[in-house]
Amino acid sequence: MFGPELGHNSAMGHKRIWGLTGGIGSGKSTVAGLLATHGLSIIDADAIARALTLADGLAIPAIRQAFGDAFISPTGEMDRGRMRDWVFANPVEKKRLEAILHPLIHTHTEAAIADAPSEVVVCDVPLLVESPRWRQRVHLVWVVDCAQETQIERVIRRSGLRREAIEAIIQQQASRAMRLAAADIVVFNDGMSQDVLAQQVTHCLQHLGI
């Protein structure tokens, strides 16, 4: 599906920056992989965040100072499970963590965009709709969409998280309606084969002249 802002993809410099987002379990990473097969550069904001919070990652000193050693694992990386539970239960603490991570993610993302070899760069950002900075940065928003029950079933299968934990994560993210309202392009990923999904992505790219 193509939204009303289709064509609003003026380049910053010679690069066109697209945002790719979707709720947990939507299949966003799968769609990112399909876009990569068409020669588009993919920048994964989650992967950047993980690298920043590994042992010796740039965010570790600030996280240790702000949250204490209890949130650093014995191997020196951020204890992601403990931190996830903590910030989901404490909105103020979530903002503290974001204040540490978001500027670093932004800096690393900008460097990756500058180094990307393709004219079109796709930034894979789970919380794109929730972030005014990201909304302003990208020229076109792709949303991967599916039913909430599909999200829950997929995440249970891949992670073993309890339904209640997944529902809590979904509640922390933008609603399905909010993501669809922000979309220039919607990729529907529910009850279809990988081949059909790939055909849908190809059709969207052809519509955009890629």
Protein backbone atom coordinates (compact mmCIF):
# COMPACT_ATOMS: atom_id res chain seq x y z
CA MET A 1 0.00 0.00 0.00
CA PHE A 2 1.27 3.45 -0.86
CA GLY A 3 0.53 6.38 1.44
CA PRO A 4 -0.32 9.99 0.61
CA GLU A 5 3.27 11.18 1.00
CA LEU A 6 4.65 8.92 -1.70
CA GLY A 7 7.28 10.81 -3.62
CA HIS A 8 8.38 12.91 -0.64
CA ASN A 9 11.87 11.48 -0.75
CA SER A 10 14.08 14.43 -1.58
CA ALA A 11 17.68 13.57 -0.94
CA MET A 12 19.95 14.99 1.68
CA GLY A 13 23.05 15.43 -0.42
CA HIS A 14 22.98 12.59 -2.95
CA LYS A 15 21.49 10.06 -0.53
CA ARG A 16 17.85 9.16 -0.15
CA ILE A 17 17.18 8.11 3.43
CA TRP A 18 14.27 5.74 4.02
CA GLY A 19 13.01 4.62 7.40
CA LEU A 20 11.84 1.05 7.99
CA THR A 21 9.81 0.26 11.08
CA GLY A 22 7.27 -2.13 12.52
CA GLY A 23 6.21 -3.56 15.85
CA ILE A 24 8.03 -6.40 17.54
CA GLY A 25 7.41 -9.62 15.61
CA SER A 26 6.20 -7.83 12.50
CA GLY A 27 8.94 -9.26 10.30
CA LYS A 28 10.77 -5.97 9.87
CA SER A 29 14.18 -7.66 9.78
CA THR A 30 12.95 -10.02 7.06
CA VAL A 31 11.83 -7.07 4.94
CA ALA A 32 15.17 -5.35 5.58
CA GLY A 33 16.89 -8.43 4.21
CA LEU A 34 14.71 -8.36 1.11
CA LEU A 35 15.50 -4.69 0.53
CA ALA A 36 19.19 -5.49 0.83
CA THR A 37 18.90 -8.04 -1.99
CA HIS A 38 17.93 -5.12 -4.26
CA GLY A 39 21.21 -3.37 -3.51
CA LEU A 40 19.97 -0.95 -0.85
CA SER A 41 22.23 -0.24 2.12
CA ILE A 42 20.64 -1.25 5.45
CA ILE A 43 21.56 0.43 8.73
CA ASP A 44 20.22 -1.42 11.76
CA ALA A 45 19.70 0.94 14.70
CA ASP A 46 19.17 -2.01 17.08
CA ALA A 47 22.48 -3.55 16.00
CA ILE A 48 24.22 -0.24 16.67
CA ALA A 49 22.60 -0.07 20.12
CA ARG A 50 23.72 -3.64 20.89
CA ALA A 51 27.29 -2.84 19.86
CA LEU A 52 27.30 0.22 22.10
CA THR A 53 26.26 -1.91 25.09
CA LEU A 54 28.66 -4.81 24.59
CA ALA A 55 31.69 -5.15 26.85
CA ASP A 56 33.92 -2.13 26.14
CA GLY A 57 31.06 -0.51 24.19
CA LEU A 58 31.01 3.26 24.23
CA ALA A 59 27.81 3.40 26.29
CA ILE A 60 29.00 1.12 29.10
CA PRO A 61 30.78 3.74 31.28
CA ALA A 62 27.72 6.03 31.27
CA ILE A 63 25.34 3.13 31.91
CA ARG A 64 27.47 1.92 34.81
CA GLN A 65 27.55 5.43 36.28
CA ALA A 66 23.82 6.02 35.84
CA PHE A 67 22.45 2.61 36.84
CA GLY A 68 25.21 0.91 38.80
CA ASP A 69 27.12 -2.35 38.49
CA ALA A 70 23.92 -4.37 38.94
CA PHE A 71 23.04 -3.63 35.31
CA ILE A 72 26.43 -4.74 33.97
CA SER A 73 26.93 -8.48 33.46
CA PRO A 74 30.02 -10.32 34.74
CA THR A 75 31.38 -10.25 31.18
CA GLY A 76 31.17 -6.45 31.09
CA GLU A 77 28.19 -5.90 28.81
CA MET A 78 24.86 -4.39 29.73
CA ASP A 79 22.50 -6.93 31.26
CA ARG A 80 19.82 -6.53 28.59
CA GLY A 81 17.18 -8.67 30.29
CA ARG A 82 17.50 -6.89 33.62
CA MET A 83 17.60 -3.47 31.97
CA ARG A 84 14.58 -4.28 29.80
CA ASP A 85 12.52 -5.27 32.84
CA TRP A 86 13.68 -2.20 34.76
CA VAL A 87 12.92 0.42 32.12
CA PHE A 88 9.58 -1.10 31.13
CA ALA A 89 8.48 -0.79 34.75
CA ASN A 90 10.00 2.68 35.23
CA PRO A 91 9.33 5.29 32.50
CA VAL A 92 11.73 7.78 34.09
CA GLU A 93 14.52 5.20 34.00
CA LYS A 94 13.69 4.46 30.37
CA LYS A 95 14.27 8.13 29.55
CA ARG A 96 17.59 8.04 31.41
CA LEU A 97 18.75 5.11 29.30
CA GLU A 98 17.56 6.75 26.10
CA ALA A 99 19.43 9.93 27.02
CA ILE A 100 22.62 7.87 27.06
CA LEU A 101 22.00 5.70 24.00
CA HIS A 102 20.14 7.91 21.53
CA PRO A 103 22.88 10.52 20.93
CA LEU A 104 25.45 7.75 20.42
CA ILE A 105 23.12 5.84 18.07
CA HIS A 106 22.51 9.04 16.13
CA THR A 107 26.23 9.73 15.72
CA HIS A 108 27.00 6.18 14.58
CA THR A 109 24.02 6.13 12.24
CA GLU A 110 25.05 9.37 10.56
CA ALA A 111 28.54 7.98 10.02
CA ALA A 112 27.08 4.79 8.54
CA ILE A 113 24.82 6.78 6.20
CA ALA A 114 27.79 8.82 5.00
CA ASP A 115 29.78 5.63 4.33
CA ALA A 116 26.92 3.70 2.67
CA PRO A 117 27.74 2.81 -0.96
CA SER A 118 24.17 3.02 -2.32
CA GLU A 119 22.16 6.12 -3.15
CA VAL A 120 19.20 4.79 -1.16
CA VAL A 121 19.92 4.03 2.49
CA VAL A 122 17.35 2.22 4.63
CA CYS A 123 17.48 2.88 8.37
CA ASP A 124 15.89 -0.02 10.23
CA VAL A 125 14.48 1.69 13.35
CA PRO A 126 12.02 -0.10 15.68
CA LEU A 127 10.89 3.14 17.35
CA LEU A 128 10.91 5.40 14.32
CA VAL A 129 7.30 6.55 14.73
CA GLU A 130 7.92 7.40 18.39
CA SER A 131 10.98 9.53 17.63
CA PRO A 132 10.59 13.07 16.23
CA ARG A 133 14.30 13.09 15.36
CA TRP A 134 13.93 10.02 13.15
CA ARG A 135 10.69 11.22 11.57
CA GLN A 136 12.46 14.41 10.50
CA ARG A 137 15.54 12.59 9.28
CA VAL A 138 14.00 10.15 6.82
CA HIS A 139 12.42 11.02 3.48
CA LEU A 140 10.11 8.01 3.24
CA VAL A 141 8.63 5.71 5.90
CA TRP A 142 8.13 1.99 5.27
CA VAL A 143 5.96 0.18 7.82
CA VAL A 144 5.82 -3.61 8.11
CA ASP A 145 2.35 -4.47 9.38
CA CYS A 146 0.60 -7.50 10.80
CA ALA A 147 -2.04 -8.35 13.39
CA GLN A 148 -1.06 -8.10 17.05
CA GLU A 149 -1.80 -11.77 17.65
CA THR A 150 0.61 -12.64 14.85
CA GLN A 151 3.28 -10.50 16.52
CA ILE A 152 2.78 -12.31 19.82
CA GLU A 153 2.88 -15.80 18.28
CA ARG A 154 6.08 -15.02 16.35
CA VAL A 155 7.90 -13.63 19.36
CA ILE A 156 6.87 -16.55 21.56
CA ARG A 157 8.25 -18.96 18.95
CA ARG A 158 11.57 -17.19 18.50
CA SER A 159 12.32 -16.00 22.04
CA GLY A 160 10.31 -18.01 24.54
CA LEU A 161 9.13 -14.83 26.25
CA ARG A 162 5.83 -15.08 28.07
CA ARG A 163 2.74 -13.59 26.42
CA GLU A 164 2.41 -11.02 29.22
CA ALA A 165 5.98 -9.80 28.63
CA ILE A 166 5.41 -9.47 24.89
CA GLU A 167 2.15 -7.61 25.41
CA ALA A 168 3.98 -5.21 27.72
CA ILE A 169 6.57 -4.55 25.01
CA ILE A 170 3.82 -3.93 22.45
CA GLN A 171 2.14 -1.47 24.80
CA GLN A 172 5.41 0.47 25.06
CA GLN A 173 5.61 0.82 21.27
CA ALA A 174 3.53 3.00 18.97
CA SER A 175 0.13 1.51 18.22
CA ARG A 176 -0.56 -0.21 14.94
CA ALA A 177 -2.83 2.70 13.96
CA MET A 178 -0.08 5.23 14.70
CA ARG A 179 2.44 3.38 12.55
CA LEU A 180 0.00 3.06 9.66
CA ALA A 181 -0.85 6.76 9.89
CA ALA A 182 2.87 7.60 9.60
CA ALA A 183 3.51 5.25 6.68
CA ASP A 184 4.29 6.22 3.12
CA ILE A 185 4.53 2.53 2.19
CA VAL A 186 2.95 -0.41 4.03
CA VAL A 187 4.22 -3.96 3.61
CA PHE A 188 1.60 -6.38 4.93
CA ASN A 189 3.28 -9.45 6.42
CA ASP A 190 0.63 -11.76 7.79
CA GLY A 191 -0.24 -15.26 6.63
CA MET A 192 1.85 -15.17 3.47
CA SER A 193 4.85 -17.04 2.15
CA GLN A 194 8.33 -15.60 1.89
CA ASP A 195 7.97 -15.57 -1.89
CA VAL A 196 4.77 -13.52 -1.76
CA LEU A 197 6.36 -11.12 0.72
CA ALA A 198 9.36 -10.73 -1.59
CA GLN A 199 7.05 -10.00 -4.53
CA GLN A 200 5.29 -7.34 -2.47
CA VAL A 201 8.62 -5.64 -1.64
CA THR A 202 9.70 -5.79 -5.27
CA HIS A 203 6.43 -4.20 -6.37
CA CYS A 204 6.88 -1.35 -3.88
CA LEU A 205 10.41 -0.72 -5.10
CA GLN A 206 9.29 -0.73 -8.73
CA HIS A 207 6.65 1.87 -7.85
CA LEU A 208 9.46 3.99 -6.42
CA GLY A 209 11.60 3.54 -9.48
CA ILE A 210 14.15 1.21 -7.90
